[in-house]
C-alpha cells in the first residue's frame, strides 16, 4: 500500500491511497495549491501507518 501524490488537470496537488493490488482505496476530496499542504493532508489520513509517498 502506498500514497501517490500528483497534480490534477488544473495544476493543483492531490493524493490517492493505492492498495497492493493497484486499486485506489482512498483519495483527497479536495485539491491543494501547495504541495506541502497536500502532504499535510496525507499525514492526517496516514496517522501512524508507514505507507510510503510517491510522486
N, C-alpha and C. Protein backbone atom coordinates (compact mmCIF):
# COMPACT_ATOMS: atom_id res chain seq x y z
N UNK A 1 0.85 -1.16 0.00
CA UNK A 1 0.00 0.00 0.00
C UNK A 1 0.90 1.23 0.00
N UNK A 2 0.51 2.24 -0.78
CA UNK A 2 1.30 3.46 -0.84
C UNK A 2 0.41 4.65 -1.22
N UNK A 3 0.92 5.83 -0.97
CA UNK A 3 0.24 7.06 -1.37
C UNK A 3 0.87 7.56 -2.66
N UNK A 4 0.04 8.08 -3.55
CA UNK A 4 0.52 8.74 -4.76
C UNK A 4 0.18 10.22 -4.66
N UNK A 5 1.14 11.05 -4.92
CA UNK A 5 0.99 12.49 -4.93
C UNK A 5 1.06 12.92 -6.38
N UNK A 6 0.08 13.71 -6.84
CA UNK A 6 0.07 14.09 -8.25
C UNK A 6 -0.64 15.42 -8.44
N UNK A 7 -0.46 16.02 -9.63
CA UNK A 7 -1.16 17.24 -9.99
C UNK A 7 -2.36 16.88 -10.86
N UNK A 8 -3.49 17.54 -10.59
CA UNK A 8 -4.69 17.26 -11.37
C UNK A 8 -4.70 18.09 -12.66
N UNK A 9 -5.81 18.07 -13.38
CA UNK A 9 -5.89 18.73 -14.69
C UNK A 9 -5.78 20.25 -14.62
N UNK A 10 -6.02 20.84 -13.46
CA UNK A 10 -5.89 22.30 -13.34
C UNK A 10 -4.62 22.70 -12.59
N UNK A 11 -3.72 21.72 -12.37
CA UNK A 11 -2.41 22.01 -11.80
C UNK A 11 -2.35 22.07 -10.29
N UNK A 12 -3.39 21.59 -9.61
CA UNK A 12 -3.37 21.55 -8.16
C UNK A 12 -2.98 20.17 -7.68
N UNK A 13 -2.46 20.10 -6.45
CA UNK A 13 -1.97 18.83 -5.89
C UNK A 13 -3.10 18.00 -5.31
N UNK A 14 -3.02 16.69 -5.51
CA UNK A 14 -3.94 15.72 -4.94
C UNK A 14 -3.17 14.49 -4.51
N UNK A 15 -3.82 13.63 -3.72
CA UNK A 15 -3.22 12.37 -3.32
C UNK A 15 -4.25 11.26 -3.46
N UNK A 16 -3.73 10.04 -3.57
CA UNK A 16 -4.57 8.84 -3.53
C UNK A 16 -3.82 7.75 -2.79
N UNK A 17 -4.59 6.90 -2.10
CA UNK A 17 -4.02 5.75 -1.40
C UNK A 17 -4.31 4.53 -2.25
N UNK A 18 -3.26 3.81 -2.64
CA UNK A 18 -3.36 2.69 -3.56
C UNK A 18 -2.99 1.41 -2.82
N UNK A 19 -3.85 0.40 -2.94
CA UNK A 19 -3.61 -0.90 -2.31
C UNK A 19 -2.57 -1.68 -3.10
N UNK A 20 -2.11 -2.78 -2.53
CA UNK A 20 -1.09 -3.59 -3.19
C UNK A 20 -1.59 -4.22 -4.49
N UNK A 21 -2.91 -4.28 -4.69
CA UNK A 21 -3.46 -4.78 -5.96
C UNK A 21 -3.70 -3.65 -6.96
N UNK A 22 -3.15 -2.48 -6.68
CA UNK A 22 -3.18 -1.28 -7.52
C UNK A 22 -4.56 -0.64 -7.63
N UNK A 23 -5.47 -0.97 -6.74
CA UNK A 23 -6.78 -0.31 -6.72
C UNK A 23 -6.73 0.86 -5.75
N UNK A 24 -7.34 1.97 -6.16
CA UNK A 24 -7.42 3.14 -5.30
C UNK A 24 -8.44 2.88 -4.20
N UNK A 25 -8.02 3.06 -2.96
CA UNK A 25 -8.95 2.81 -1.86
C UNK A 25 -9.33 4.09 -1.12
N UNK A 26 -8.61 5.18 -1.39
CA UNK A 26 -8.97 6.49 -0.83
C UNK A 26 -8.31 7.56 -1.69
N UNK A 27 -8.91 8.74 -1.70
CA UNK A 27 -8.30 9.86 -2.39
C UNK A 27 -8.66 11.17 -1.69
N UNK A 28 -7.94 12.22 -2.07
CA UNK A 28 -8.22 13.52 -1.46
C UNK A 28 -9.55 14.03 -1.99
N UNK A 29 -10.36 14.54 -1.11
CA UNK A 29 -11.65 15.07 -1.50
C UNK A 29 -11.50 16.50 -2.04
N UNK A 30 -10.35 17.06 -1.83
CA UNK A 30 -10.09 18.42 -2.29
C UNK A 30 -8.71 18.48 -2.93
N UNK A 31 -8.48 19.54 -3.68
CA UNK A 31 -7.15 19.76 -4.25
C UNK A 31 -6.46 20.84 -3.43
N UNK A 32 -5.13 20.87 -3.54
CA UNK A 32 -4.32 21.79 -2.75
C UNK A 32 -3.45 22.62 -3.68
N UNK A 33 -3.35 23.92 -3.39
CA UNK A 33 -2.47 24.78 -4.18
C UNK A 33 -1.01 24.47 -3.91
N UNK A 34 -0.69 24.16 -2.66
CA UNK A 34 0.70 23.93 -2.27
C UNK A 34 0.95 22.45 -2.02
N UNK A 35 2.09 21.98 -2.47
CA UNK A 35 2.48 20.58 -2.27
C UNK A 35 2.56 20.24 -0.78
N UNK A 36 3.09 21.17 0.03
CA UNK A 36 3.22 20.93 1.47
C UNK A 36 1.86 20.74 2.12
N UNK A 37 0.85 21.47 1.67
CA UNK A 37 -0.50 21.31 2.21
C UNK A 37 -1.05 19.94 1.86
N UNK A 38 -0.75 19.46 0.67
CA UNK A 38 -1.19 18.12 0.25
C UNK A 38 -0.51 17.05 1.12
N UNK A 39 0.78 17.22 1.36
CA UNK A 39 1.50 16.28 2.22
C UNK A 39 0.94 16.30 3.64
N UNK A 40 0.52 17.47 4.12
CA UNK A 40 -0.09 17.56 5.45
C UNK A 40 -1.42 16.81 5.47
N UNK A 41 -2.17 16.87 4.37
CA UNK A 41 -3.42 16.12 4.26
C UNK A 41 -3.17 14.62 4.32
N UNK A 42 -2.10 14.16 3.69
CA UNK A 42 -1.74 12.75 3.75
C UNK A 42 -1.43 12.36 5.19
N UNK A 43 -0.71 13.20 5.89
CA UNK A 43 -0.35 12.90 7.29
C UNK A 43 -1.59 12.76 8.17
N UNK A 44 -2.64 13.54 7.89
CA UNK A 44 -3.87 13.43 8.66
C UNK A 44 -4.51 12.06 8.47
N UNK A 45 -4.47 11.55 7.26
CA UNK A 45 -5.05 10.24 6.96
C UNK A 45 -4.11 9.13 7.40
N UNK A 46 -2.84 9.34 7.19
CA UNK A 46 -1.83 8.33 7.44
C UNK A 46 -1.72 7.95 8.91
N UNK A 47 -1.81 8.91 9.81
CA UNK A 47 -1.65 8.64 11.23
C UNK A 47 -0.30 8.01 11.50
N UNK A 48 -0.28 6.83 12.07
CA UNK A 48 0.99 6.18 12.38
C UNK A 48 1.35 5.10 11.37
N UNK A 49 0.54 4.94 10.33
CA UNK A 49 0.84 3.93 9.31
C UNK A 49 2.03 4.37 8.48
N UNK A 50 2.88 3.46 8.09
CA UNK A 50 4.13 3.80 7.40
C UNK A 50 4.07 3.61 5.90
N UNK A 51 2.96 3.89 5.26
CA UNK A 51 2.86 3.77 3.80
C UNK A 51 3.73 4.83 3.16
N UNK A 52 4.55 4.46 2.19
CA UNK A 52 5.39 5.45 1.51
C UNK A 52 4.56 6.38 0.63
N UNK A 53 5.15 7.54 0.29
CA UNK A 53 4.50 8.52 -0.58
C UNK A 53 5.34 8.63 -1.84
N UNK A 54 4.72 8.44 -3.01
CA UNK A 54 5.42 8.56 -4.29
C UNK A 54 4.82 9.72 -5.08
N UNK A 55 5.66 10.37 -5.86
CA UNK A 55 5.19 11.45 -6.71
C UNK A 55 5.28 11.03 -8.15
